[in-house]
Amino acid sequence: MVKVKVDRNSCISCGVAPNLCSEVFELGEDNGKTRIVEKYSTETSEAFSVGNVPDSLHKCVREAAETCPVQAIVIEKTGE
């Protein structure tokens, strides 16, 4: 599993992450900023969105994180 965290305070709602990896990211209806889709989400607030994503989506998530213009997405590998 891969733990993913989106800093929604830093997010500028550019849509890069949802466009590159729609399986994991979406623009939230609450504030228009990127969040983890419900399927993988473990916590979502106005400030952060956290989730656990299967290894099969790691490449997709990494590409979104690397492309994010404000580096609002952090990935960490878990032992699960």
PDB file of N, CA and C in Angstrom:
ATOM      1  N   MET A   1       0.843  -1.195   0.000  1.00  0.00           N
ATOM      2  CA  MET A   1       0.000   0.000   0.000  1.00  0.00           C
ATOM      3  C   MET A   1       0.880   1.248   0.000  1.00  0.00           C
ATOM      4  N   VAL A   2       0.311   2.306  -0.507  1.00  0.00           N
ATOM      5  CA  VAL A   2       0.970   3.597  -0.551  1.00  0.00           C
ATOM      6  C   VAL A   2       0.066   4.590   0.172  1.00  0.00           C
ATOM      7  N   LYS A   3       0.643   5.307   1.140  1.00  0.00           N
ATOM      8  CA  LYS A   3      -0.106   6.341   1.835  1.00  0.00           C
ATOM      9  C   LYS A   3       0.077   7.647   1.073  1.00  0.00           C
ATOM     10  N   VAL A   4      -1.033   8.312   0.789  1.00  0.00           N
ATOM     11  CA  VAL A   4      -1.014   9.551   0.021  1.00  0.00           C
ATOM     12  C   VAL A   4      -1.671  10.644   0.845  1.00  0.00           C
ATOM     13  N   LYS A   5      -1.049  11.813   0.851  1.00  0.00           N
ATOM     14  CA  LYS A   5      -1.593  12.948   1.586  1.00  0.00           C
ATOM     15  C   LYS A   5      -1.615  14.167   0.663  1.00  0.00           C
ATOM     16  N   VAL A   6      -2.763  14.813   0.597  1.00  0.00           N
ATOM     17  CA  VAL A   6      -2.901  16.039  -0.180  1.00  0.00           C
ATOM     18  C   VAL A   6      -3.043  17.197   0.788  1.00  0.00           C
ATOM     19  N   ASP A   7      -2.159  18.182   0.667  1.00  0.00           N
ATOM     20  CA  ASP A   7      -2.255  19.403   1.459  1.00  0.00           C
ATOM     21  C   ASP A   7      -3.224  20.329   0.720  1.00  0.00           C
ATOM     22  N   ARG A   8      -4.457  20.319   1.147  1.00  0.00           N
ATOM     23  CA  ARG A   8      -5.503  21.069   0.451  1.00  0.00           C
ATOM     24  C   ARG A   8      -5.353  22.578   0.641  1.00  0.00           C
ATOM     25  N   ASN A   9      -4.617  22.999   1.676  1.00  0.00           N
ATOM     26  CA  ASN A   9      -4.355  24.429   1.843  1.00  0.00           C
ATOM     27  C   ASN A   9      -3.407  24.936   0.764  1.00  0.00           C
ATOM     28  N   SER A  10      -2.466  24.082   0.345  1.00  0.00           N
ATOM     29  CA  SER A  10      -1.514  24.461  -0.702  1.00  0.00           C
ATOM     30  C   SER A  10      -2.094  24.301  -2.103  1.00  0.00           C
ATOM     31  N   CYS A  11      -3.056  23.400  -2.243  1.00  0.00           N
ATOM     32  CA  CYS A  11      -3.648  23.082  -3.548  1.00  0.00           C
ATOM     33  C   CYS A  11      -4.217  24.342  -4.211  1.00  0.00           C
ATOM     34  N   ILE A  12      -3.962  24.472  -5.525  1.00  0.00           N
ATOM     35  CA  ILE A  12      -4.479  25.628  -6.262  1.00  0.00           C
ATOM     36  C   ILE A  12      -5.615  25.233  -7.214  1.00  0.00           C
ATOM     37  N   SER A  13      -6.138  24.021  -7.060  1.00  0.00           N
ATOM     38  CA  SER A  13      -7.283  23.535  -7.850  1.00  0.00           C
ATOM     39  C   SER A  13      -7.032  23.546  -9.351  1.00  0.00           C
ATOM     40  N   CYS A  14      -5.786  23.248  -9.745  1.00  0.00           N
ATOM     41  CA  CYS A  14      -5.457  23.287 -11.168  1.00  0.00           C
ATOM     42  C   CYS A  14      -5.978  22.064 -11.918  1.00  0.00           C
ATOM     43  N   GLY A  15      -6.274  20.972 -11.196  1.00  0.00           N
ATOM     44  CA  GLY A  15      -6.838  19.786 -11.823  1.00  0.00           C
ATOM     45  C   GLY A  15      -5.829  18.806 -12.387  1.00  0.00           C
ATOM     46  N   VAL A  16      -4.540  19.050 -12.183  1.00  0.00           N
ATOM     47  CA  VAL A  16      -3.511  18.161 -12.725  1.00  0.00           C
ATOM     48  C   VAL A  16      -3.649  16.748 -12.155  1.00  0.00           C
ATOM     49  N   ALA A  17      -3.745  16.612 -10.856  1.00  0.00           N
ATOM     50  CA  ALA A  17      -3.814  15.276 -10.247  1.00  0.00           C
ATOM     51  C   ALA A  17      -5.046  14.493 -10.704  1.00  0.00           C
ATOM     52  N   PRO A  18      -6.249  15.076 -10.660  1.00  0.00           N
ATOM     53  CA  PRO A  18      -7.408  14.331 -11.149  1.00  0.00           C
ATOM     54  C   PRO A  18      -7.312  13.973 -12.640  1.00  0.00           C
ATOM     55  N   ASN A  19      -6.696  14.830 -13.427  1.00  0.00           N
ATOM     56  CA  ASN A  19      -6.551  14.534 -14.852  1.00  0.00           C
ATOM     57  C   ASN A  19      -5.567  13.402 -15.097  1.00  0.00           C
ATOM     58  N   LEU A  20      -4.492  13.347 -14.322  1.00  0.00           N
ATOM     59  CA  LEU A  20      -3.471  12.310 -14.508  1.00  0.00           C
ATOM     60  C   LEU A  20      -3.826  11.005 -13.826  1.00  0.00           C
ATOM     61  N   CYS A  21      -4.580  11.074 -12.739  1.00  0.00           N
ATOM     62  CA  CYS A  21      -4.841   9.878 -11.934  1.00  0.00           C
ATOM     63  C   CYS A  21      -6.249   9.948 -11.332  1.00  0.00           C
ATOM     64  N   SER A  22      -7.242   9.871 -12.192  1.00  0.00           N
ATOM     65  CA  SER A  22      -8.631  10.016 -11.737  1.00  0.00           C
ATOM     66  C   SER A  22      -9.093   8.840 -10.870  1.00  0.00           C
ATOM     67  N   GLU A  23      -8.351   7.734 -10.899  1.00  0.00           N
ATOM     68  CA  GLU A  23      -8.692   6.595 -10.045  1.00  0.00           C
ATOM     69  C   GLU A  23      -8.505   6.933  -8.566  1.00  0.00           C
ATOM     70  N   VAL A  24      -7.632   7.918  -8.293  1.00  0.00           N
ATOM     71  CA  VAL A  24      -7.276   8.251  -6.906  1.00  0.00           C
ATOM     72  C   VAL A  24      -7.692   9.663  -6.512  1.00  0.00           C
ATOM     73  N   PHE A  25      -7.608  10.616  -7.428  1.00  0.00           N
ATOM     74  CA  PHE A  25      -7.839  12.025  -7.085  1.00  0.00           C
ATOM     75  C   PHE A  25      -9.077  12.588  -7.766  1.00  0.00           C
ATOM     76  N   GLU A  26      -9.718  13.532  -7.072  1.00  0.00           N
ATOM     77  CA  GLU A  26     -10.831  14.283  -7.631  1.00  0.00           C
ATOM     78  C   GLU A  26     -10.816  15.677  -7.023  1.00  0.00           C
ATOM     79  N   LEU A  27     -11.470  16.609  -7.695  1.00  0.00           N
ATOM     80  CA  LEU A  27     -11.643  17.937  -7.111  1.00  0.00           C
ATOM     81  C   LEU A  27     -12.868  17.865  -6.219  1.00  0.00           C
ATOM     82  N   GLY A  28     -12.701  18.255  -4.974  1.00  0.00           N
ATOM     83  CA  GLY A  28     -13.780  18.140  -3.999  1.00  0.00           C
ATOM     84  C   GLY A  28     -14.910  19.113  -4.226  1.00  0.00           C
ATOM     85  N   GLU A  29     -16.113  18.642  -3.965  1.00  0.00           N
ATOM     86  CA  GLU A  29     -17.280  19.508  -4.063  1.00  0.00           C
ATOM     87  C   GLU A  29     -17.325  20.498  -2.901  1.00  0.00           C
ATOM     88  N   ASP A  30     -16.613  20.191  -1.816  1.00  0.00           N
ATOM     89  CA  ASP A  30     -16.640  21.052  -0.636  1.00  0.00           C
ATOM     90  C   ASP A  30     -15.899  22.369  -0.850  1.00  0.00           C
ATOM     91  N   ASN A  31     -14.681  22.306  -1.435  1.00  0.00           N
ATOM     92  CA  ASN A  31     -13.925  23.540  -1.616  1.00  0.00           C
ATOM     93  C   ASN A  31     -13.215  23.614  -2.969  1.00  0.00           C
ATOM     94  N   GLY A  32     -13.486  22.656  -3.851  1.00  0.00           N
ATOM     95  CA  GLY A  32     -12.913  22.682  -5.188  1.00  0.00           C
ATOM     96  C   GLY A  32     -11.457  22.267  -5.270  1.00  0.00           C
ATOM     97  N   LYS A  33     -10.913  21.799  -4.157  1.00  0.00           N
ATOM     98  CA  LYS A  33      -9.504  21.410  -4.130  1.00  0.00           C
ATOM     99  C   LYS A  33      -9.366  19.893  -4.194  1.00  0.00           C
ATOM    100  N   THR A  34      -8.195  19.441  -4.637  1.00  0.00           N
ATOM    101  CA  THR A  34      -7.960  18.011  -4.817  1.00  0.00           C
ATOM    102  C   THR A  34      -8.107  17.240  -3.512  1.00  0.00           C
ATOM    103  N   ARG A  35      -8.714  16.065  -3.641  1.00  0.00           N
ATOM    104  CA  ARG A  35      -8.847  15.151  -2.507  1.00  0.00           C
ATOM    105  C   ARG A  35      -8.754  13.717  -3.034  1.00  0.00           C
ATOM    106  N   ILE A  36      -8.565  12.789  -2.094  1.00  0.00           N
ATOM    107  CA  ILE A  36      -8.541  11.367  -2.418  1.00  0.00           C
ATOM    108  C   ILE A  36      -9.982  10.905  -2.609  1.00  0.00           C
ATOM    109  N   VAL A  37     -10.236  10.094  -3.641  1.00  0.00           N
ATOM    110  CA  VAL A  37     -11.594   9.586  -3.856  1.00  0.00           C
ATOM    111  C   VAL A  37     -12.032   8.748  -2.653  1.00  0.00           C
ATOM    112  N   GLU A  38     -13.324   8.683  -2.455  1.00  0.00           N
ATOM    113  CA  GLU A  38     -13.881   8.007  -1.278  1.00  0.00           C
ATOM    114  C   GLU A  38     -13.388   6.568  -1.118  1.00  0.00           C
ATOM    115  N   LYS A  39     -13.228   5.865  -2.230  1.00  0.00           N
ATOM    116  CA  LYS A  39     -12.805   4.460  -2.197  1.00  0.00           C
ATOM    117  C   LYS A  39     -11.501   4.258  -1.422  1.00  0.00           C
ATOM    118  N   TYR A  40     -10.572   5.213  -1.518  1.00  0.00           N
ATOM    119  CA  TYR A  40      -9.253   5.077  -0.882  1.00  0.00           C
ATOM    120  C   TYR A  40      -9.038   6.033   0.289  1.00  0.00           C
ATOM    121  N   SER A  41      -9.976   6.916   0.527  1.00  0.00           N
ATOM    122  CA  SER A  41      -9.816   7.942   1.556  1.00  0.00           C
ATOM    123  C   SER A  41      -9.911   7.368   2.972  1.00  0.00           C
ATOM    124  N   THR A  42      -9.033   7.840   3.841  1.00  0.00           N
ATOM    125  CA  THR A  42      -9.114   7.497   5.259  1.00  0.00           C
ATOM    126  C   THR A  42      -9.477   8.721   6.100  1.00  0.00           C
ATOM    127  N   GLU A  43      -9.218   9.907   5.539  1.00  0.00           N
ATOM    128  CA  GLU A  43      -9.533  11.150   6.261  1.00  0.00           C
ATOM    129  C   GLU A  43      -9.569  12.299   5.263  1.00  0.00           C
ATOM    130  N   THR A  44     -10.594  13.109   5.341  1.00  0.00           N
ATOM    131  CA  THR A  44     -10.666  14.303   4.499  1.00  0.00           C
ATOM    132  C   THR A  44     -11.190  15.452   5.344  1.00  0.00           C
ATOM    133  N   SER A  45     -10.473  16.559   5.275  1.00  0.00           N
ATOM    134  CA  SER A  45     -10.903  17.787   5.942  1.00  0.00           C
ATOM    135  C   SER A  45     -10.660  18.934   4.968  1.00  0.00           C
ATOM    136  N   GLU A  46     -10.953  20.131   5.391  1.00  0.00           N
ATOM    137  CA  GLU A  46     -10.700  21.277   4.522  1.00  0.00           C
ATOM    138  C   GLU A  46      -9.202  21.451   4.288  1.00  0.00           C
ATOM    139  N   ALA A  47      -8.380  21.030   5.250  1.00  0.00           N
ATOM    140  CA  ALA A  47      -6.935  21.232   5.164  1.00  0.00           C
ATOM    141  C   ALA A  47      -6.182  20.076   4.497  1.00  0.00           C
ATOM    142  N   PHE A  48      -6.629  18.832   4.711  1.00  0.00           N
ATOM    143  CA  PHE A  48      -5.903  17.672   4.214  1.00  0.00           C
ATOM    144  C   PHE A  48      -6.844  16.603   3.692  1.00  0.00           C
ATOM    145  N   SER A  49      -6.310  15.757   2.817  1.00  0.00           N
ATOM    146  CA  SER A  49      -7.002  14.550   2.396  1.00  0.00           C
ATOM    147  C   SER A  49      -5.952  13.443   2.425  1.00  0.00           C
ATOM    148  N   VAL A  50      -6.266  12.353   3.135  1.00  0.00           N
ATOM    149  CA  VAL A  50      -5.312  11.259   3.324  1.00  0.00           C
ATOM    150  C   VAL A  50      -5.983   9.970   2.881  1.00  0.00           C
ATOM    151  N   GLY A  51      -5.183   9.092   2.283  1.00  0.00           N
ATOM    152  CA  GLY A  51      -5.735   7.816   1.863  1.00  0.00           C
ATOM    153  C   GLY A  51      -4.675   6.756   1.687  1.00  0.00           C
ATOM    154  N   ASN A  52      -5.108   5.518   1.599  1.00  0.00           N
ATOM    155  CA  ASN A  52      -4.226   4.382   1.333  1.00  0.00           C
ATOM    156  C   ASN A  52      -4.594   3.810  -0.030  1.00  0.00           C
ATOM    157  N   VAL A  53      -3.608   3.754  -0.899  1.00  0.00           N
ATOM    158  CA  VAL A  53      -3.813   3.382  -2.291  1.00  0.00           C
ATOM    159  C   VAL A  53      -3.032   2.104  -2.585  1.00  0.00           C
ATOM    160  N   PRO A  54      -3.598   1.176  -3.352  1.00  0.00           N
ATOM    161  CA  PRO A  54      -2.888  -0.054  -3.674  1.00  0.00           C
ATOM    162  C   PRO A  54      -1.624   0.212  -4.505  1.00  0.00           C
ATOM    163  N   ASP A  55      -0.649  -0.660  -4.356  1.00  0.00           N
ATOM    164  CA  ASP A  55       0.614  -0.523  -5.089  1.00  0.00           C
ATOM    165  C   ASP A  55       0.404  -0.426  -6.596  1.00  0.00           C
ATOM    166  N   SER A  56      -0.646  -1.045  -7.094  1.00  0.00           N
ATOM    167  CA  SER A  56      -0.908  -1.031  -8.535  1.00  0.00           C
ATOM    168  C   SER A  56      -1.141   0.381  -9.074  1.00  0.00           C
ATOM    169  N   LEU A  57      -1.488   1.320  -8.200  1.00  0.00           N
ATOM    170  CA  LEU A  57      -1.725   2.705  -8.615  1.00  0.00           C
ATOM    171  C   LEU A  57      -0.569   3.640  -8.236  1.00  0.00           C
ATOM    172  N   HIS A  58       0.515   3.079  -7.715  1.00  0.00           N
ATOM    173  CA  HIS A  58       1.645   3.897  -7.252  1.00  0.00           C
ATOM    174  C   HIS A  58       2.211   4.772  -8.373  1.00  0.00           C
ATOM    175  N   LYS A  59       2.384   4.202  -9.564  1.00  0.00           N
ATOM    176  CA  LYS A  59       2.961   4.960 -10.679  1.00  0.00           C
ATOM    177  C   LYS A  59       2.082   6.160 -11.030  1.00  0.00           C
ATOM    178  N   CYS A  60       0.798   5.937 -11.070  1.00  0.00           N
ATOM    179  CA  CYS A  60      -0.181   6.989 -11.377  1.00  0.00           C
ATOM    180  C   CYS A  60      -0.115   8.102 -10.319  1.00  0.00           C
ATOM    181  N   VAL A  61      -0.097   7.709  -9.058  1.00  0.00           N
ATOM    182  CA  VAL A  61      -0.043   8.673  -7.949  1.00  0.00           C
ATOM    183  C   VAL A  61       1.278   9.446  -7.980  1.00  0.00           C
ATOM    184  N   ARG A  62       2.379   8.734  -8.240  1.00  0.00           N
ATOM    185  CA  ARG A  62       3.692   9.385  -8.287  1.00  0.00           C
ATOM    186  C   ARG A  62       3.742  10.436  -9.401  1.00  0.00           C
ATOM    187  N   GLU A  63       3.194  10.092 -10.558  1.00  0.00           N
ATOM    188  CA  GLU A  63       3.172  11.041 -11.675  1.00  0.00           C
ATOM    189  C   GLU A  63       2.381  12.298 -11.308  1.00  0.00           C
ATOM    190  N   ALA A  64       1.237  12.104 -10.658  1.00  0.00           N
ATOM    191  CA  ALA A  64       0.434  13.254 -10.228  1.00  0.00           C
ATOM    192  C   ALA A  64       1.188  14.108  -9.218  1.00  0.00           C
ATOM    193  N   ALA A  65       1.861  13.451  -8.265  1.00  0.00           N
ATOM    194  CA  ALA A  65       2.612  14.185  -7.240  1.00  0.00           C
ATOM    195  C   ALA A  65       3.764  14.970  -7.860  1.00  0.00           C
ATOM    196  N   GLU A  66       4.470  14.344  -8.798  1.00  0.00           N
ATOM    197  CA  GLU A  66       5.613  15.003  -9.428  1.00  0.00           C
ATOM    198  C   GLU A  66       5.186  16.152 -10.334  1.00  0.00           C
ATOM    199  N   THR A  67       3.980  16.089 -10.870  1.00  0.00           N
ATOM    200  CA  THR A  67       3.491  17.097 -11.794  1.00  0.00           C
ATOM    201  C   THR A  67       2.786  18.253 -11.080  1.00  0.00           C
ATOM    202  N   CYS A  68       2.347  18.025  -9.856  1.00  0.00           N
ATOM    203  CA  CYS A  68       1.648  19.071  -9.093  1.00  0.00           C
ATOM    204  C   CYS A  68       2.529  20.324  -9.006  1.00  0.00           C
ATOM    205  N   PRO A  69       2.049  21.464  -9.496  1.00  0.00           N
ATOM    206  CA  PRO A  69       2.880  22.670  -9.533  1.00  0.00           C
ATOM    207  C   PRO A  69       3.224  23.253  -8.160  1.00  0.00           C
ATOM    208  N   VAL A  70       2.477  22.877  -7.122  1.00  0.00           N
ATOM    209  CA  VAL A  70       2.753  23.419  -5.785  1.00  0.00           C
ATOM    210  C   VAL A  70       3.183  22.338  -4.794  1.00  0.00           C
ATOM    211  N   GLN A  71       3.511  21.138  -5.310  1.00  0.00           N
ATOM    212  CA  GLN A  71       3.945  20.008  -4.477  1.00  0.00           C
ATOM    213  C   GLN A  71       3.008  19.750  -3.294  1.00  0.00           C
ATOM    214  N   ALA A  72       1.716  19.737  -3.573  1.00  0.00           N
ATOM    215  CA  ALA A  72       0.720  19.544  -2.518  1.00  0.00           C
ATOM    216  C   ALA A  72       0.464  18.073  -2.203  1.00  0.00           C
ATOM    217  N   ILE A  73       1.070  17.146  -2.973  1.00  0.00           N
ATOM    218  CA  ILE A  73       0.824  15.717  -2.795  1.00  0.00           C
ATOM    219  C   ILE A  73       2.088  15.036  -2.293  1.00  0.00           C
ATOM    220  N   VAL A  74       1.952  14.317  -1.170  1.00  0.00           N
ATOM    221  CA  VAL A  74       3.081  13.598  -0.578  1.00  0.00           C
ATOM    222  C   VAL A  74       2.740  12.113  -0.572  1.00  0.00           C
ATOM    223  N   ILE A  75       3.718  11.279  -0.956  1.00  0.00           N
ATOM    224  CA  ILE A  75       3.533   9.834  -1.002  1.00  0.00           C
ATOM    225  C   ILE A  75       4.516   9.187  -0.054  1.00  0.00           C
ATOM    226  N   GLU A  76       4.037   8.179   0.692  1.00  0.00           N
ATOM    227  CA  GLU A  76       4.955   7.381   1.495  1.00  0.00           C
ATOM    228  C   GLU A  76       4.538   5.920   1.425  1.00  0.00           C
ATOM    229  N   LYS A  77       5.500   5.071   1.245  1.00  0.00           N
ATOM    230  CA  LYS A  77       5.248   3.627   1.154  1.00  0.00           C
ATOM    231  C   LYS A  77       4.948   3.098   2.561  1.00  0.00           C
ATOM    232  N   THR A  78       3.949   2.256   2.660  1.00  0.00           N
ATOM    233  CA  THR A  78       3.634   1.655   3.969  1.00  0.00           C
ATOM    234  C   THR A  78       4.069   0.198   3.960  1.00  0.00           C
ATOM    235  N   GLY A  79       4.115  -0.390   5.122  1.00  0.00           N
ATOM    236  CA  GLY A  79       4.534  -1.780   5.244  1.00  0.00           C
ATOM    237  C   GLY A  79       3.430  -2.778   4.976  1.00  0.00           C
ATOM    238  N   GLU A  80       2.225  -2.303   4.708  1.00  0.00           N
ATOM    239  CA  GLU A  80       1.073  -3.184   4.517  1.00  0.00           C
ATOM    240  C   GLU A  80       1.120  -3.896   3.188  1.00  0.00           C
TER     241      GLU A  80
END
